[in-house]
């Protein structure tokens, strides 16, 4: 019976080797089929192992069996980047690994799914690979409106304001949305260490690096003296704050994260970064009156002699990466 085999293979063996959640969906009646009891469990094992390897650690795996006249159907699903049509065609070919798999640290030869295909074909069954995009989460309309109103009011009332873009913007593929906010508002932005390359630093609104006491003092003074600091996906780690030497007044700061917004001490839950940025690009006031310091370099390298050794450059770096959010 396929149902009993799946329960033993998926639940007992796979969950004993991982802390991941496996959602096993079985029909009310057992599914009976003729199969090689040595080879077919390998199909289940390979499919589930592949789904576990190539999906985020905190996401569940789905395993479902169903039956149609003359057919038993096994479906294994996970949450991972959507494959293109071309990738789906070659997914079960020997030695095929997607570009994401090849560039990851996950080991593999690209044979697990090819073995599955060969075993299923020997049982006169087809093998199909499909990718369906997950629906995007929706912001709560009332909470979104309240969050936007609070941000617009704070930026409008501020004598000076700036933006701190964070790397979470790049991870969410929202660079263009944030650039639209900057272009519409005219606000200057500074870049922290961990957020380099989030936005093009040749943009006319860029004022350079901000990293507490470790970087340009003019940029530091401007950012910390602003009446409103608008963080977007920004994390105040020790690396980003010059070993926590940054001094940003929480009451004067805003941070927009994936699924919530903080304005001062007020938190708005169930609003998504993309929706917030799209609204701000339409509704933020144009602040052409706010001017940041001119961009400047750090000057020539400075060195000092240490004993009898040749010239050496003193470098101060953060020694740990404990995370502390702006949220």
C-alpha atoms as a PDB file:
ATOM      1  CA  UNK A   1       0.000   0.000   0.000  1.00  0.00           C
ATOM      2  CA  UNK A   2       1.434   3.333  -1.076  1.00  0.00           C
ATOM      3  CA  UNK A   3      -0.064   5.229   1.881  1.00  0.00           C
ATOM      4  CA  UNK A   4       1.645   3.072   4.487  1.00  0.00           C
ATOM      5  CA  UNK A   5       4.960   3.175   2.608  1.00  0.00           C
ATOM      6  CA  UNK A   6       4.828   6.960   2.418  1.00  0.00           C
ATOM      7  CA  UNK A   7       3.999   7.362   6.083  1.00  0.00           C
ATOM      8  CA  UNK A   8       6.974   5.237   7.097  1.00  0.00           C
ATOM      9  CA  UNK A   9       9.376   6.696   4.533  1.00  0.00           C
ATOM     10  CA  UNK A  10       8.487  10.373   4.918  1.00  0.00           C
ATOM     11  CA  UNK A  11       7.472  10.772   8.530  1.00  0.00           C
ATOM     12  CA  UNK A  12       9.701   8.266  10.315  1.00  0.00           C
ATOM     13  CA  UNK A  13      12.912   8.433   8.284  1.00  0.00           C
ATOM     14  CA  UNK A  14      12.997  11.983   6.928  1.00  0.00           C
ATOM     15  CA  UNK A  15      11.778  13.763  10.060  1.00  0.00           C
ATOM     16  CA  UNK A  16      14.242  11.806  12.173  1.00  0.00           C
ATOM     17  CA  UNK A  17      17.057  13.419  10.172  1.00  0.00           C
ATOM     18  CA  UNK A  18      15.774  17.012  10.128  1.00  0.00           C
ATOM     19  CA  UNK A  19      13.757  19.434  12.211  1.00  0.00           C
ATOM     20  CA  UNK A  20      11.779  20.504   9.148  1.00  0.00           C
ATOM     21  CA  UNK A  21       8.011  20.259   9.017  1.00  0.00           C
ATOM     22  CA  UNK A  22       6.690  17.721   6.485  1.00  0.00           C
ATOM     23  CA  UNK A  23       3.014  18.059   5.679  1.00  0.00           C
ATOM     24  CA  UNK A  24       1.850  14.590   4.622  1.00  0.00           C
ATOM     25  CA  UNK A  25      -1.570  14.549   2.958  1.00  0.00           C
ATOM     26  CA  UNK A  26      -3.091  11.107   2.413  1.00  0.00           C
ATOM     27  CA  UNK A  27      -6.485  10.094   1.003  1.00  0.00           C
ATOM     28  CA  UNK A  28      -9.096   8.472   3.233  1.00  0.00           C
ATOM     29  CA  UNK A  29      -8.696   5.118   1.475  1.00  0.00           C
ATOM     30  CA  UNK A  30      -5.290   3.455   0.996  1.00  0.00           C
ATOM     31  CA  UNK A  31      -3.760   3.681  -2.481  1.00  0.00           C
ATOM     32  CA  UNK A  32      -2.714   0.209  -3.695  1.00  0.00           C
ATOM     33  CA  UNK A  33      -0.223  -0.243  -6.527  1.00  0.00           C
ATOM     34  CA  UNK A  34       2.269  -2.762  -7.841  1.00  0.00           C
ATOM     35  CA  UNK A  35       5.786  -1.428  -7.270  1.00  0.00           C
ATOM     36  CA  UNK A  36       9.325  -2.581  -6.584  1.00  0.00           C
ATOM     37  CA  UNK A  37       9.499  -2.384  -2.783  1.00  0.00           C
ATOM     38  CA  UNK A  38      13.238  -1.684  -2.962  1.00  0.00           C
ATOM     39  CA  UNK A  39      13.338   0.928  -5.696  1.00  0.00           C
ATOM     40  CA  UNK A  40      10.119   2.897  -5.217  1.00  0.00           C
ATOM     41  CA  UNK A  41      10.964   4.073  -1.661  1.00  0.00           C
ATOM     42  CA  UNK A  42      14.077   5.586  -3.247  1.00  0.00           C
ATOM     43  CA  UNK A  43      11.813   7.829  -5.337  1.00  0.00           C
ATOM     44  CA  UNK A  44      10.104   9.143  -2.216  1.00  0.00           C
ATOM     45  CA  UNK A  45      13.402   9.614  -0.391  1.00  0.00           C
ATOM     46  CA  UNK A  46      15.110  11.420  -3.289  1.00  0.00           C
ATOM     47  CA  UNK A  47      12.184  13.745  -3.930  1.00  0.00           C
ATOM     48  CA  UNK A  48      11.805  14.739  -0.283  1.00  0.00           C
ATOM     49  CA  UNK A  49      15.567  15.116   0.223  1.00  0.00           C
ATOM     50  CA  UNK A  50      15.760  17.378  -2.829  1.00  0.00           C
ATOM     51  CA  UNK A  51      12.834  19.462  -1.580  1.00  0.00           C
ATOM     52  CA  UNK A  52      14.525  19.864   1.805  1.00  0.00           C
ATOM     53  CA  UNK A  53      17.912  20.813   0.345  1.00  0.00           C
ATOM     54  CA  UNK A  54      16.641  23.506  -1.997  1.00  0.00           C
ATOM     55  CA  UNK A  55      14.185  25.452   0.151  1.00  0.00           C
ATOM     56  CA  UNK A  56      14.519  27.841   3.120  1.00  0.00           C
ATOM     57  CA  UNK A  57      15.093  26.091   6.441  1.00  0.00           C
ATOM     58  CA  UNK A  58      11.974  27.485   8.122  1.00  0.00           C
ATOM     59  CA  UNK A  59       9.533  26.440   5.375  1.00  0.00           C
ATOM     60  CA  UNK A  60       7.452  23.239   5.252  1.00  0.00           C
ATOM     61  CA  UNK A  61       7.605  20.425   2.707  1.00  0.00           C
ATOM     62  CA  UNK A  62       4.385  19.087   1.234  1.00  0.00           C
ATOM     63  CA  UNK A  63       3.903  15.415   0.321  1.00  0.00           C
ATOM     64  CA  UNK A  64       0.572  14.326  -1.118  1.00  0.00           C
ATOM     65  CA  UNK A  65      -0.748  11.180  -2.747  1.00  0.00           C
ATOM     66  CA  UNK A  66      -3.962  10.861  -4.684  1.00  0.00           C
ATOM     67  CA  UNK A  67      -5.526   8.406  -7.083  1.00  0.00           C
ATOM     68  CA  UNK A  68      -7.230   8.461 -10.449  1.00  0.00           C
ATOM     69  CA  UNK A  69      -8.493   5.454 -12.403  1.00  0.00           C
ATOM     70  CA  UNK A  70      -5.395   3.421 -13.212  1.00  0.00           C
ATOM     71  CA  UNK A  71      -3.010   5.965 -11.666  1.00  0.00           C
ATOM     72  CA  UNK A  72      -1.403   6.647  -8.304  1.00  0.00           C
ATOM     73  CA  UNK A  73      -0.067  10.225  -8.018  1.00  0.00           C
ATOM     74  CA  UNK A  74       2.774  11.284  -5.715  1.00  0.00           C
ATOM     75  CA  UNK A  75       3.401  15.049  -5.422  1.00  0.00           C
ATOM     76  CA  UNK A  76       6.243  16.648  -3.415  1.00  0.00           C
ATOM     77  CA  UNK A  77       6.347  20.438  -3.089  1.00  0.00           C
ATOM     78  CA  UNK A  78       8.479  23.074  -1.386  1.00  0.00           C
ATOM     79  CA  UNK A  79       8.880  26.852  -1.268  1.00  0.00           C
ATOM     80  CA  UNK A  80      11.802  27.879  -3.438  1.00  0.00           C
ATOM     81  CA  UNK A  81      12.554  30.298  -6.314  1.00  0.00           C
ATOM     82  CA  UNK A  82      10.281  29.666  -9.297  1.00  0.00           C
ATOM     83  CA  UNK A  83      11.966  27.746 -12.114  1.00  0.00           C
ATOM     84  CA  UNK A  84      11.681  28.950 -15.685  1.00  0.00           C
ATOM     85  CA  UNK A  85       9.947  26.859 -18.337  1.00  0.00           C
ATOM     86  CA  UNK A  86      13.334  25.772 -19.718  1.00  0.00           C
ATOM     87  CA  UNK A  87      14.564  24.749 -16.267  1.00  0.00           C
ATOM     88  CA  UNK A  88      11.414  22.724 -15.666  1.00  0.00           C
ATOM     89  CA  UNK A  89      12.039  20.793 -18.917  1.00  0.00           C
ATOM     90  CA  UNK A  90      15.527  19.706 -17.789  1.00  0.00           C
ATOM     91  CA  UNK A  91      14.835  19.323 -14.063  1.00  0.00           C
ATOM     92  CA  UNK A  92      14.897  15.500 -14.192  1.00  0.00           C
ATOM     93  CA  UNK A  93      17.817  15.170 -16.618  1.00  0.00           C
ATOM     94  CA  UNK A  94      21.087  13.605 -15.373  1.00  0.00           C
ATOM     95  CA  UNK A  95      23.628  16.053 -13.898  1.00  0.00           C
ATOM     96  CA  UNK A  96      21.278  19.032 -14.218  1.00  0.00           C
ATOM     97  CA  UNK A  97      21.486  21.608 -11.417  1.00  0.00           C
ATOM     98  CA  UNK A  98      19.807  24.987 -11.582  1.00  0.00           C
ATOM     99  CA  UNK A  99      22.016  28.103 -11.551  1.00  0.00           C
ATOM    100  CA  UNK A 100      20.880  28.811  -7.979  1.00  0.00           C
ATOM    101  CA  UNK A 101      21.885  25.290  -6.887  1.00  0.00           C
ATOM    102  CA  UNK A 102      25.279  25.537  -8.591  1.00  0.00           C
ATOM    103  CA  UNK A 103      26.054  28.865  -6.927  1.00  0.00           C
ATOM    104  CA  UNK A 104      24.970  27.666  -3.470  1.00  0.00           C
ATOM    105  CA  UNK A 105      27.005  25.795  -0.886  1.00  0.00           C
ATOM    106  CA  UNK A 106      24.618  22.829  -1.107  1.00  0.00           C
ATOM    107  CA  UNK A 107      26.510  19.793  -2.467  1.00  0.00           C
ATOM    108  CA  UNK A 108      25.064  17.622  -5.199  1.00  0.00           C
ATOM    109  CA  UNK A 109      25.688  15.920  -8.534  1.00  0.00           C
ATOM    110  CA  UNK A 110      22.319  16.447 -10.161  1.00  0.00           C
ATOM    111  CA  UNK A 111      21.485  12.729 -10.172  1.00  0.00           C
ATOM    112  CA  UNK A 112      18.790  12.362  -7.481  1.00  0.00           C
ATOM    113  CA  UNK A 113      15.869  13.498  -9.630  1.00  0.00           C
ATOM    114  CA  UNK A 114      17.201  11.669 -12.701  1.00  0.00           C
ATOM    115  CA  UNK A 115      17.135   8.423 -10.697  1.00  0.00           C
ATOM    116  CA  UNK A 116      13.558   9.184  -9.673  1.00  0.00           C
ATOM    117  CA  UNK A 117      12.588   9.640 -13.307  1.00  0.00           C
ATOM    118  CA  UNK A 118      14.168   6.346 -14.376  1.00  0.00           C
ATOM    119  CA  UNK A 119      12.456   4.369 -11.588  1.00  0.00           C
ATOM    120  CA  UNK A 120       9.041   5.925 -12.300  1.00  0.00           C
ATOM    121  CA  UNK A 121       9.405   5.272 -16.036  1.00  0.00           C
ATOM    122  CA  UNK A 122      10.162   1.629 -15.248  1.00  0.00           C
ATOM    123  CA  UNK A 123       6.797   1.597 -13.457  1.00  0.00           C
ATOM    124  CA  UNK A 124       5.132   3.015 -16.613  1.00  0.00           C
ATOM    125  CA  UNK A 125       4.506   6.387 -15.020  1.00  0.00           C
ATOM    126  CA  UNK A 126       5.188   9.948 -16.217  1.00  0.00           C
ATOM    127  CA  UNK A 127       7.344  12.448 -14.320  1.00  0.00           C
ATOM    128  CA  UNK A 128       6.347  16.107 -14.219  1.00  0.00           C
ATOM    129  CA  UNK A 129       8.054  19.135 -12.691  1.00  0.00           C
ATOM    130  CA  UNK A 130       5.961  22.257 -12.171  1.00  0.00           C
ATOM    131  CA  UNK A 131       6.577  25.661 -10.593  1.00  0.00           C
ATOM    132  CA  UNK A 132       3.758  27.850  -9.378  1.00  0.00           C
ATOM    133  CA  UNK A 133       4.512  31.345  -7.990  1.00  0.00           C
ATOM    134  CA  UNK A 134       3.221  31.888  -4.482  1.00  0.00           C
ATOM    135  CA  UNK A 135       0.694  34.713  -4.166  1.00  0.00           C
ATOM    136  CA  UNK A 136       2.176  37.923  -2.776  1.00  0.00           C
ATOM    137  CA  UNK A 137       0.987  38.797   0.735  1.00  0.00           C
ATOM    138  CA  UNK A 138      -1.419  41.713   0.937  1.00  0.00           C
ATOM    139  CA  UNK A 139      -1.138  44.634   3.352  1.00  0.00           C
ATOM    140  CA  UNK A 140      -4.020  45.421   5.657  1.00  0.00           C
ATOM    141  CA  UNK A 141      -5.513  48.484   3.862  1.00  0.00           C
ATOM    142  CA  UNK A 142      -6.469  50.364   7.039  1.00  0.00           C
ATOM    143  CA  UNK A 143      -3.098  49.766   8.715  1.00  0.00           C
ATOM    144  CA  UNK A 144      -1.252  50.665   5.509  1.00  0.00           C
ATOM    145  CA  UNK A 145      -3.102  53.973   5.285  1.00  0.00           C
ATOM    146  CA  UNK A 146      -2.319  54.762   8.917  1.00  0.00           C
ATOM    147  CA  UNK A 147       1.380  53.917   8.449  1.00  0.00           C
ATOM    148  CA  UNK A 148       1.697  56.047   5.306  1.00  0.00           C
ATOM    149  CA  UNK A 149      -0.047  58.970   6.990  1.00  0.00           C
ATOM    150  CA  UNK A 150       2.324  58.763   9.974  1.00  0.00           C
ATOM    151  CA  UNK A 151       5.412  58.639   7.738  1.00  0.00           C
ATOM    152  CA  UNK A 152       4.264  61.507   5.525  1.00  0.00           C
ATOM    153  CA  UNK A 153       3.472  63.660   8.554  1.00  0.00           C
ATOM    154  CA  UNK A 154       6.864  63.002  10.169  1.00  0.00           C
ATOM    155  CA  UNK A 155       8.799  63.736   6.973  1.00  0.00           C
ATOM    156  CA  UNK A 156       6.733  66.850   6.239  1.00  0.00           C
ATOM    157  CA  UNK A 157       7.261  68.331   9.703  1.00  0.00           C
ATOM    158  CA  UNK A 158      10.984  67.572   9.811  1.00  0.00           C
ATOM    159  CA  UNK A 159      13.377  70.456   9.310  1.00  0.00           C
ATOM    160  CA  UNK A 160      15.951  68.014   7.917  1.00  0.00           C
ATOM    161  CA  UNK A 161      15.557  64.391   6.876  1.00  0.00           C
ATOM    162  CA  UNK A 162      17.507  61.616   5.182  1.00  0.00           C
ATOM    163  CA  UNK A 163      17.130  57.984   4.100  1.00  0.00           C
ATOM    164  CA  UNK A 164      19.207  54.969   5.170  1.00  0.00           C
ATOM    165  CA  UNK A 165      18.637  52.168   2.618  1.00  0.00           C
ATOM    166  CA  UNK A 166      19.248  48.629   3.897  1.00  0.00           C
ATOM    167  CA  UNK A 167      20.258  45.397   2.178  1.00  0.00           C
ATOM    168  CA  UNK A 168      16.808  43.911   2.837  1.00  0.00           C
ATOM    169  CA  UNK A 169      15.618  46.143  -0.013  1.00  0.00           C
ATOM    170  CA  UNK A 170      17.900  44.282  -2.417  1.00  0.00           C
ATOM    171  CA  UNK A 171      16.838  40.902  -1.027  1.00  0.00           C
ATOM    172  CA  UNK A 172      13.208  41.813  -1.653  1.00  0.00           C
ATOM    173  CA  UNK A 173      14.092  43.002  -5.183  1.00  0.00           C
ATOM    174  CA  UNK A 174      12.717  46.478  -4.410  1.00  0.00           C
ATOM    175  CA  UNK A 175      15.607  48.677  -5.520  1.00  0.00           C
ATOM    176  CA  UNK A 176      13.519  50.428  -8.186  1.00  0.00           C
ATOM    177  CA  UNK A 177      10.715  51.126  -5.715  1.00  0.00           C
ATOM    178  CA  UNK A 178      13.120  52.728  -3.258  1.00  0.00           C
ATOM    179  CA  UNK A 179      14.828  54.752  -5.998  1.00  0.00           C
ATOM    180  CA  UNK A 180      11.384  56.058  -6.963  1.00  0.00           C
ATOM    181  CA  UNK A 181      10.867  57.235  -3.360  1.00  0.00           C
ATOM    182  CA  UNK A 182      14.228  59.031  -3.371  1.00  0.00           C
ATOM    183  CA  UNK A 183      13.648  60.624  -6.776  1.00  0.00           C
ATOM    184  CA  UNK A 184      10.152  61.780  -5.794  1.00  0.00           C
ATOM    185  CA  UNK A 185      11.072  63.137  -2.362  1.00  0.00           C
ATOM    186  CA  UNK A 186      14.475  64.560  -3.208  1.00  0.00           C
ATOM    187  CA  UNK A 187      15.790  63.395   0.169  1.00  0.00           C
ATOM    188  CA  UNK A 188      19.515  62.618   0.511  1.00  0.00           C
ATOM    189  CA  UNK A 189      20.576  59.109   1.467  1.00  0.00           C
ATOM    190  CA  UNK A 190      23.625  57.676   3.212  1.00  0.00           C
ATOM    191  CA  UNK A 191      24.900  54.105   2.954  1.00  0.00           C
ATOM    192  CA  UNK A 192      25.995  51.926   5.864  1.00  0.00           C
ATOM    193  CA  UNK A 193      28.733  49.292   5.543  1.00  0.00           C
ATOM    194  CA  UNK A 194      26.532  46.233   5.196  1.00  0.00           C
ATOM    195  CA  UNK A 195      24.296  48.015   2.696  1.00  0.00           C
ATOM    196  CA  UNK A 196      26.896  48.867   0.062  1.00  0.00           C
ATOM    197  CA  UNK A 197      25.538  48.342  -3.474  1.00  0.00           C
ATOM    198  CA  UNK A 198      21.910  48.411  -2.323  1.00  0.00           C
ATOM    199  CA  UNK A 199      21.573  51.630  -4.332  1.00  0.00           C
ATOM    200  CA  UNK A 200      23.837  53.252  -6.901  1.00  0.00           C
ATOM    201  CA  UNK A 201      26.116  55.541  -4.902  1.00  0.00           C
ATOM    202  CA  UNK A 202      26.692  57.750  -7.925  1.00  0.00           C
ATOM    203  CA  UNK A 203      23.065  58.855  -7.539  1.00  0.00           C
ATOM    204  CA  UNK A 204      22.907  62.656  -7.037  1.00  0.00           C
ATOM    205  CA  UNK A 205      21.123  62.176  -3.699  1.00  0.00           C
ATOM    206  CA  UNK A 206      23.911  60.017  -2.238  1.00  0.00           C
ATOM    207  CA  UNK A 207      25.967  61.736   0.471  1.00  0.00           C
ATOM    208  CA  UNK A 208      28.395  58.879   1.157  1.00  0.00           C
ATOM    209  CA  UNK A 209      29.013  56.427   3.990  1.00  0.00           C
ATOM    210  CA  UNK A 210      27.521  56.536   7.466  1.00  0.00           C
ATOM    211  CA  UNK A 211      29.084  54.283  10.089  1.00  0.00           C
ATOM    212  CA  UNK A 212      29.083  56.092  13.396  1.00  0.00           C
ATOM    213  CA  UNK A 213      32.487  57.384  14.462  1.00  0.00           C
ATOM    214  CA  UNK A 214      34.374  55.284  11.903  1.00  0.00           C
ATOM    215  CA  UNK A 215      33.504  57.289   8.803  1.00  0.00           C
ATOM    216  CA  UNK A 216      33.137  60.832   7.479  1.00  0.00           C
ATOM    217  CA  UNK A 217      32.317  63.145  10.447  1.00  0.00           C
ATOM    218  CA  UNK A 218      30.286  65.509   8.238  1.00  0.00           C
ATOM    219  CA  UNK A 219      27.983  62.684   7.123  1.00  0.00           C
ATOM    220  CA  UNK A 220      27.707  61.436  10.682  1.00  0.00           C
ATOM    221  CA  UNK A 221      26.787  64.889  11.995  1.00  0.00           C
ATOM    222  CA  UNK A 222      24.173  65.391   9.269  1.00  0.00           C
ATOM    223  CA  UNK A 223      22.485  62.000   9.744  1.00  0.00           C
ATOM    224  CA  UNK A 224      22.417  62.143  13.536  1.00  0.00           C
ATOM    225  CA  UNK A 225      21.173  65.759  13.574  1.00  0.00           C
ATOM    226  CA  UNK A 226      18.283  65.043  11.188  1.00  0.00           C
ATOM    227  CA  UNK A 227      14.801  65.486  12.600  1.00  0.00           C
ATOM    228  CA  UNK A 228      13.737  62.379  10.657  1.00  0.00           C
ATOM    229  CA  UNK A 229      15.868  59.384   9.637  1.00  0.00           C
ATOM    230  CA  UNK A 230      13.936  57.092   7.305  1.00  0.00           C
ATOM    231  CA  UNK A 231      15.395  53.586   7.344  1.00  0.00           C
ATOM    232  CA  UNK A 232      14.260  51.130   4.684  1.00  0.00           C
ATOM    233  CA  UNK A 233      15.272  47.548   5.432  1.00  0.00           C
ATOM    234  CA  UNK A 234      18.075  48.826   7.675  1.00  0.00           C
ATOM    235  CA  UNK A 235      19.604  46.710  10.452  1.00  0.00           C
ATOM    236  CA  UNK A 236      21.666  48.478  13.103  1.00  0.00           C
ATOM    237  CA  UNK A 237      24.321  45.798  13.612  1.00  0.00           C
ATOM    238  CA  UNK A 238      27.695  46.551  15.181  1.00  0.00           C
ATOM    239  CA  UNK A 239      29.163  46.483  11.664  1.00  0.00           C
ATOM    240  CA  UNK A 240      26.676  49.094  10.428  1.00  0.00           C
ATOM    241  CA  UNK A 241      26.997  51.378  13.441  1.00  0.00           C
ATOM    242  CA  UNK A 242      30.765  51.581  13.848  1.00  0.00           C
ATOM    243  CA  UNK A 243      30.802  49.195  16.825  1.00  0.00           C
ATOM    244  CA  UNK A 244      27.615  50.854  18.136  1.00  0.00           C
ATOM    245  CA  UNK A 245      29.058  54.377  18.032  1.00  0.00           C
ATOM    246  CA  UNK A 246      26.115  55.572  15.896  1.00  0.00           C
ATOM    247  CA  UNK A 247      23.642  57.791  17.744  1.00  0.00           C
ATOM    248  CA  UNK A 248      20.218  57.823  16.089  1.00  0.00           C
ATOM    249  CA  UNK A 249      17.350  59.053  18.248  1.00  0.00           C
ATOM    250  CA  UNK A 250      14.624  56.404  18.101  1.00  0.00           C
ATOM    251  CA  UNK A 251      11.889  59.023  18.440  1.00  0.00           C
ATOM    252  CA  UNK A 252      13.159  60.704  15.265  1.00  0.00           C
ATOM    253  CA  UNK A 253      13.571  57.514  13.226  1.00  0.00           C
ATOM    254  CA  UNK A 254      11.389  55.385  10.976  1.00  0.00           C
ATOM    255  CA  UNK A 255      12.124  51.896   9.736  1.00  0.00           C
ATOM    256  CA  UNK A 256      10.286  50.027   6.991  1.00  0.00           C
ATOM    257  CA  UNK A 257      10.828  46.271   7.195  1.00  0.00           C
ATOM    258  CA  UNK A 258       9.356  43.336   5.259  1.00  0.00           C
ATOM    259  CA  UNK A 259       6.049  43.071   7.103  1.00  0.00           C
ATOM    260  CA  UNK A 260       5.835  46.035   9.469  1.00  0.00           C
ATOM    261  CA  UNK A 261       6.705  49.683   9.881  1.00  0.00           C
ATOM    262  CA  UNK A 262       7.935  51.552  12.935  1.00  0.00           C
ATOM    263  CA  UNK A 263       7.437  55.315  13.230  1.00  0.00           C
ATOM    264  CA  UNK A 264       9.087  56.516  16.414  1.00  0.00           C
ATOM    265  CA  UNK A 265       7.752  54.136  19.056  1.00  0.00           C
ATOM    266  CA  UNK A 266       4.594  53.274  17.102  1.00  0.00           C
ATOM    267  CA  UNK A 267       4.537  49.959  15.201  1.00  0.00           C
ATOM    268  CA  UNK A 268       2.226  49.134  12.273  1.00  0.00           C
ATOM    269  CA  UNK A 269       1.922  45.379  11.686  1.00  0.00           C
ATOM    270  CA  UNK A 270       0.796  43.495   8.557  1.00  0.00           C
ATOM    271  CA  UNK A 271       1.999  46.070   6.029  1.00  0.00           C
ATOM    272  CA  UNK A 272       4.466  44.980   3.364  1.00  0.00           C
ATOM    273  CA  UNK A 273       7.535  46.874   2.234  1.00  0.00           C
ATOM    274  CA  UNK A 274       6.580  46.950  -1.446  1.00  0.00           C
ATOM    275  CA  UNK A 275       3.147  48.465  -0.728  1.00  0.00           C
ATOM    276  CA  UNK A 276       4.667  51.080   1.589  1.00  0.00           C
ATOM    277  CA  UNK A 277       7.332  52.146  -0.916  1.00  0.00           C
ATOM    278  CA  UNK A 278       4.840  52.393  -3.767  1.00  0.00           C
ATOM    279  CA  UNK A 279       2.589  54.644  -1.678  1.00  0.00           C
ATOM    280  CA  UNK A 280       5.469  56.820  -0.481  1.00  0.00           C
ATOM    281  CA  UNK A 281       6.649  57.323  -4.066  1.00  0.00           C
ATOM    282  CA  UNK A 282       3.282  58.967  -4.710  1.00  0.00           C
ATOM    283  CA  UNK A 283       2.608  60.776  -1.440  1.00  0.00           C
ATOM    284  CA  UNK A 284       5.833  61.966   0.163  1.00  0.00           C
ATOM    285  CA  UNK A 285       6.355  65.736  -0.157  1.00  0.00           C
ATOM    286  CA  UNK A 286       9.139  67.038  -2.360  1.00  0.00           C
ATOM    287  CA  UNK A 287      11.913  68.194   0.005  1.00  0.00           C
ATOM    288  CA  UNK A 288      14.268  70.027  -2.303  1.00  0.00           C
ATOM    289  CA  UNK A 289      15.069  72.297   0.666  1.00  0.00           C
ATOM    290  CA  UNK A 290      16.968  69.511   2.443  1.00  0.00           C
ATOM    291  CA  UNK A 291      20.626  69.463   1.417  1.00  0.00           C
ATOM    292  CA  UNK A 292      23.141  66.965   2.704  1.00  0.00           C
ATOM    293  CA  UNK A 293      26.904  67.531   2.943  1.00  0.00           C
ATOM    294  CA  UNK A 294      28.875  67.310  -0.299  1.00  0.00           C
ATOM    295  CA  UNK A 295      30.346  63.913  -1.095  1.00  0.00           C
ATOM    296  CA  UNK A 296      34.014  63.657  -0.166  1.00  0.00           C
ATOM    297  CA  UNK A 297      36.603  60.909   0.104  1.00  0.00           C
ATOM    298  CA  UNK A 298      38.449  59.707   3.193  1.00  0.00           C
ATOM    299  CA  UNK A 299      41.758  61.284   2.188  1.00  0.00           C
ATOM    300  CA  UNK A 300      45.088  59.577   1.700  1.00  0.00           C
ATOM    301  CA  UNK A 301      45.945  56.467   3.762  1.00  0.00           C
ATOM    302  CA  UNK A 302      47.755  57.255   6.984  1.00  0.00           C
ATOM    303  CA  UNK A 303      50.436  54.965   8.420  1.00  0.00           C
ATOM    304  CA  UNK A 304      52.614  54.911  11.509  1.00  0.00           C
ATOM    305  CA  UNK A 305      55.785  53.118  12.425  1.00  0.00           C
ATOM    306  CA  UNK A 306      55.565  50.401  15.057  1.00  0.00           C
ATOM    307  CA  UNK A 307      58.949  49.543  16.602  1.00  0.00           C
ATOM    308  CA  UNK A 308      61.434  48.274  14.064  1.00  0.00           C
ATOM    309  CA  UNK A 309      58.805  46.965  11.694  1.00  0.00           C
ATOM    310  CA  UNK A 310      58.110  48.700   8.369  1.00  0.00           C
ATOM    311  CA  UNK A 311      55.136  50.998   7.931  1.00  0.00           C
ATOM    312  CA  UNK A 312      51.830  49.412   8.937  1.00  0.00           C
ATOM    313  CA  UNK A 313      48.306  50.764   8.590  1.00  0.00           C
ATOM    314  CA  UNK A 314      46.076  50.717  11.634  1.00  0.00           C
ATOM    315  CA  UNK A 315      42.623  49.346  10.827  1.00  0.00           C
ATOM    316  CA  UNK A 316      39.598  49.279  13.114  1.00  0.00           C
ATOM    317  CA  UNK A 317      37.047  46.623  12.330  1.00  0.00           C
ATOM    318  CA  UNK A 318      34.046  45.207  14.146  1.00  0.00           C
ATOM    319  CA  UNK A 319      34.789  41.905  15.851  1.00  0.00           C
ATOM    320  CA  UNK A 320      31.289  40.464  16.012  1.00  0.00           C
ATOM    321  CA  UNK A 321      28.043  40.585  14.151  1.00  0.00           C
ATOM    322  CA  UNK A 322      25.336  40.594  16.812  1.00  0.00           C
ATOM    323  CA  UNK A 323      22.188  41.943  15.197  1.00  0.00           C
ATOM    324  CA  UNK A 324      20.075  44.742  16.508  1.00  0.00           C
ATOM    325  CA  UNK A 325      17.294  46.039  14.291  1.00  0.00           C
ATOM    326  CA  UNK A 326      16.110  49.568  13.946  1.00  0.00           C
ATOM    327  CA  UNK A 327      12.697  48.108  14.593  1.00  0.00           C
END
